[in-house]
Amino acid sequence: MNTAQTLHRQGHWSGPSEACKLDYTERFLRRKKLTTEGGMAFLVDLAQTTSLDHGDALELDNGTLVQIIAAEETLARITGPDLTRLAWHVGNRHTPCQIEADHLLIQHDPVIEHMLEHLGATVERITAPFTPEGGAYGHGRTHSHEHVATAHSRGHSHSHSHSHSHDHVHDH
């Protein structure tokens, strides 16, 4: 079985490739067996847990490139008269969010959706690829205080002024 240990970020690779569809949760990995759309199985074996983005490519040990495609999943499409305020409430709960000009997209979450409706939002359930913002420090997850570094990061730690403090490393 071929192994992928090299990640090329979107825009930093070219050429023919296989495709592998993964939802948002599945795109957060370190070591996992995956299968391309064409049925080719391969092993991902990265140095650390990494957040793969739509359009990135994994390079297999035989030189084959496998493009990462954001798979469709159940999302909530959020609209409302004060989208900025709604986005603040989503971000305040560390919920991954895809920001568009006239709406927000989050993963289906009845609790968050109910809260947003009480704030005046219209929430519509849709099925679409989910490619949320990567956060202030680039690639990575924003729904947790457990952040990971990529091979090109320069880690640092800091405390936040929440009701509790914590340290974590951000990607750069």
Protein backbone atom coordinates (compact mmCIF):
# COMPACT_ATOMS: atom_id res chain seq x y z
CA MET A 1 0.00 0.00 0.00
CA ASN A 2 1.33 3.45 -0.90
CA THR A 3 1.93 5.95 1.89
CA ALA A 4 1.45 9.73 1.96
CA GLN A 5 3.85 11.62 4.20
CA THR A 6 3.99 14.89 2.25
CA LEU A 7 1.27 17.53 2.16
CA HIS A 8 1.14 20.25 -0.50
CA ARG A 9 -1.15 23.17 0.31
CA GLN A 10 -3.64 24.44 -2.28
CA GLY A 11 -1.87 26.53 -4.91
CA HIS A 12 1.50 24.91 -4.22
CA TRP A 13 1.13 21.82 -6.39
CA SER A 14 0.11 21.01 -9.94
CA GLY A 15 -0.33 18.13 -12.31
CA PRO A 16 -2.66 15.18 -12.64
CA SER A 17 -4.09 13.75 -9.46
CA GLU A 18 -6.44 11.26 -7.90
CA ALA A 19 -9.25 12.65 -5.72
CA CYS A 20 -10.28 11.83 -2.16
CA LYS A 21 -13.51 13.29 -0.72
CA LEU A 22 -13.49 13.92 3.03
CA ASP A 23 -15.89 15.84 5.24
CA TYR A 24 -14.66 18.49 7.69
CA THR A 25 -14.12 16.04 10.55
CA GLU A 26 -12.35 13.50 8.33
CA ARG A 27 -9.96 16.20 7.05
CA PHE A 28 -8.37 16.42 10.53
CA LEU A 29 -5.92 13.54 10.72
CA ARG A 30 -2.40 12.27 11.24
CA ARG A 31 -2.43 8.57 10.43
CA LYS A 32 -5.34 6.97 8.60
CA LYS A 33 -6.15 4.63 5.73
CA LEU A 34 -8.05 6.45 2.96
CA THR A 35 -9.44 5.48 -0.43
CA THR A 36 -9.57 7.68 -3.54
CA GLU A 37 -12.70 8.17 -5.62
CA GLY A 38 -11.14 5.70 -8.08
CA GLY A 39 -10.82 3.00 -5.41
CA MET A 40 -7.09 3.24 -4.66
CA ALA A 41 -6.34 2.67 -0.97
CA PHE A 42 -3.42 4.48 0.65
CA LEU A 43 -2.10 5.28 4.11
CA VAL A 44 -1.69 8.83 5.37
CA ASP A 45 1.21 9.01 7.82
CA LEU A 46 1.94 12.65 8.64
CA ALA A 47 4.40 13.84 11.29
CA GLN A 48 1.60 15.47 13.33
CA THR A 49 -2.16 15.82 13.31
CA THR A 50 -3.01 18.19 10.47
CA SER A 51 -6.07 19.99 9.15
CA LEU A 52 -6.37 19.29 5.42
CA ASP A 53 -8.11 21.93 3.33
CA HIS A 54 -10.16 21.57 0.15
CA GLY A 55 -7.66 21.73 -2.72
CA ASP A 56 -4.64 20.47 -0.78
CA ALA A 57 -2.81 17.41 -2.13
CA LEU A 58 -1.13 14.48 -0.45
CA GLU A 59 1.90 13.07 -2.26
CA LEU A 60 2.25 9.29 -2.14
CA ASP A 61 5.63 7.60 -1.95
CA ASN A 62 5.25 6.57 -5.63
CA GLY A 63 4.82 10.25 -6.67
CA THR A 64 1.04 10.11 -7.16
CA LEU A 65 -0.82 13.22 -5.96
CA VAL A 66 -4.17 12.84 -4.22
CA GLN A 67 -6.27 16.02 -4.18
CA ILE A 68 -8.40 16.58 -1.09
CA ILE A 69 -12.00 17.45 -1.94
CA ALA A 70 -14.44 18.79 0.69
CA ALA A 71 -17.31 16.29 0.75
CA GLU A 72 -20.92 17.37 1.08
CA GLU A 73 -22.36 17.23 4.59
CA THR A 74 -25.36 18.49 6.53
CA LEU A 75 -24.96 22.19 7.28
CA ALA A 76 -27.01 25.07 8.63
CA ARG A 77 -27.27 28.11 6.34
CA ILE A 78 -27.70 31.20 8.53
CA THR A 79 -29.10 34.49 7.32
CA GLY A 80 -30.44 37.51 9.12
CA PRO A 81 -30.55 41.28 9.22
CA ASP A 82 -27.44 41.54 11.45
CA LEU A 83 -25.08 38.89 10.07
CA THR A 84 -22.06 40.43 11.83
CA ARG A 85 -23.71 39.98 15.23
CA LEU A 86 -24.70 36.41 14.38
CA ALA A 87 -21.13 35.66 13.27
CA TRP A 88 -19.84 37.01 16.58
CA HIS A 89 -22.09 34.62 18.53
CA VAL A 90 -20.96 31.66 16.38
CA GLY A 91 -17.30 32.59 16.90
CA ASN A 92 -17.80 33.18 20.61
CA ARG A 93 -18.75 29.50 20.87
CA HIS A 94 -15.64 28.41 18.93
CA THR A 95 -17.88 26.92 16.24
CA PRO A 96 -16.24 26.41 12.82
CA CYS A 97 -17.91 28.80 10.37
CA GLN A 98 -17.79 29.38 6.64
CA ILE A 99 -18.41 33.08 6.00
CA GLU A 100 -20.08 34.16 2.76
CA ALA A 101 -21.22 37.66 1.71
CA ASP A 102 -24.89 37.07 2.57
CA HIS A 103 -24.89 34.03 4.87
CA LEU A 104 -22.93 31.87 7.29
CA LEU A 105 -22.54 28.09 7.15
CA ILE A 106 -21.97 25.90 10.19
CA GLN A 107 -22.20 22.17 10.75
CA HIS A 108 -25.68 21.07 11.79
CA ASP A 109 -25.95 21.68 15.54
CA PRO A 110 -29.48 21.96 17.01
CA VAL A 111 -28.29 23.87 20.09
CA ILE A 112 -26.37 26.54 18.14
CA GLU A 113 -29.15 26.76 15.54
CA HIS A 114 -31.78 27.30 18.28
CA MET A 115 -29.66 30.04 19.87
CA LEU A 116 -29.24 31.78 16.49
CA GLU A 117 -32.99 31.62 15.79
CA HIS A 118 -33.60 33.33 19.16
CA LEU A 119 -31.21 36.06 18.00
CA GLY A 120 -33.33 36.66 14.88
CA ALA A 121 -31.55 34.39 12.40
CA THR A 122 -33.21 32.32 9.74
CA VAL A 123 -31.69 28.83 9.76
CA GLU A 124 -32.05 26.51 6.77
CA ARG A 125 -30.65 22.99 6.66
CA ILE A 126 -28.65 22.30 3.48
CA THR A 127 -26.21 19.74 2.11
CA ALA A 128 -22.96 21.22 0.77
CA PRO A 129 -19.17 21.02 1.12
CA PHE A 130 -17.95 22.72 4.31
CA THR A 131 -14.81 24.85 4.12
CA PRO A 132 -14.77 27.04 7.23
CA GLU A 133 -12.35 29.84 7.96
CA GLY A 134 -8.98 28.63 9.22
CA GLY A 135 -8.67 31.09 12.07
CA ALA A 136 -6.40 34.06 12.64
CA TYR A 137 -3.27 31.94 12.41
CA GLY A 138 -3.93 30.25 9.05
CA HIS A 139 -4.67 26.56 8.58
CA GLY A 140 -6.25 24.86 11.53
CA ARG A 141 -9.27 24.25 13.65
CA THR A 142 -11.15 26.90 15.57
CA HIS A 143 -13.61 24.69 17.49
CA SER A 144 -11.18 23.60 20.17
CA HIS A 145 -8.39 24.86 22.35
CA GLU A 146 -6.32 21.86 21.27
CA HIS A 147 -4.38 23.32 18.33
CA VAL A 148 -1.60 21.59 16.41
CA ALA A 149 1.40 22.85 14.51
CA THR A 150 2.34 22.07 10.93
CA ALA A 151 5.84 21.40 9.68
CA HIS A 152 6.37 25.09 8.84
CA SER A 153 5.09 26.59 12.10
CA ARG A 154 6.82 28.67 14.70
CA GLY A 155 4.89 27.81 17.84
CA HIS A 156 4.18 30.17 20.68
CA SER A 157 1.90 30.07 23.63
CA HIS A 158 -0.24 32.67 25.30
CA SER A 159 -3.12 33.02 27.68
CA HIS A 160 -6.56 34.37 26.92
CA SER A 161 -8.65 36.50 29.24
CA HIS A 162 -11.62 34.13 29.41
CA SER A 163 -12.94 33.02 32.75
CA HIS A 164 -10.25 30.35 32.55
CA SER A 165 -6.78 30.41 31.04
CA HIS A 166 -5.07 27.97 28.74
CA ASP A 167 -2.02 27.76 26.52
CA HIS A 168 -1.95 26.49 22.98
CA VAL A 169 0.13 26.59 19.82
CA HIS A 170 -1.20 28.23 16.65
CA ASP A 171 -0.17 27.56 13.06
CA HIS A 172 1.63 30.28 11.11
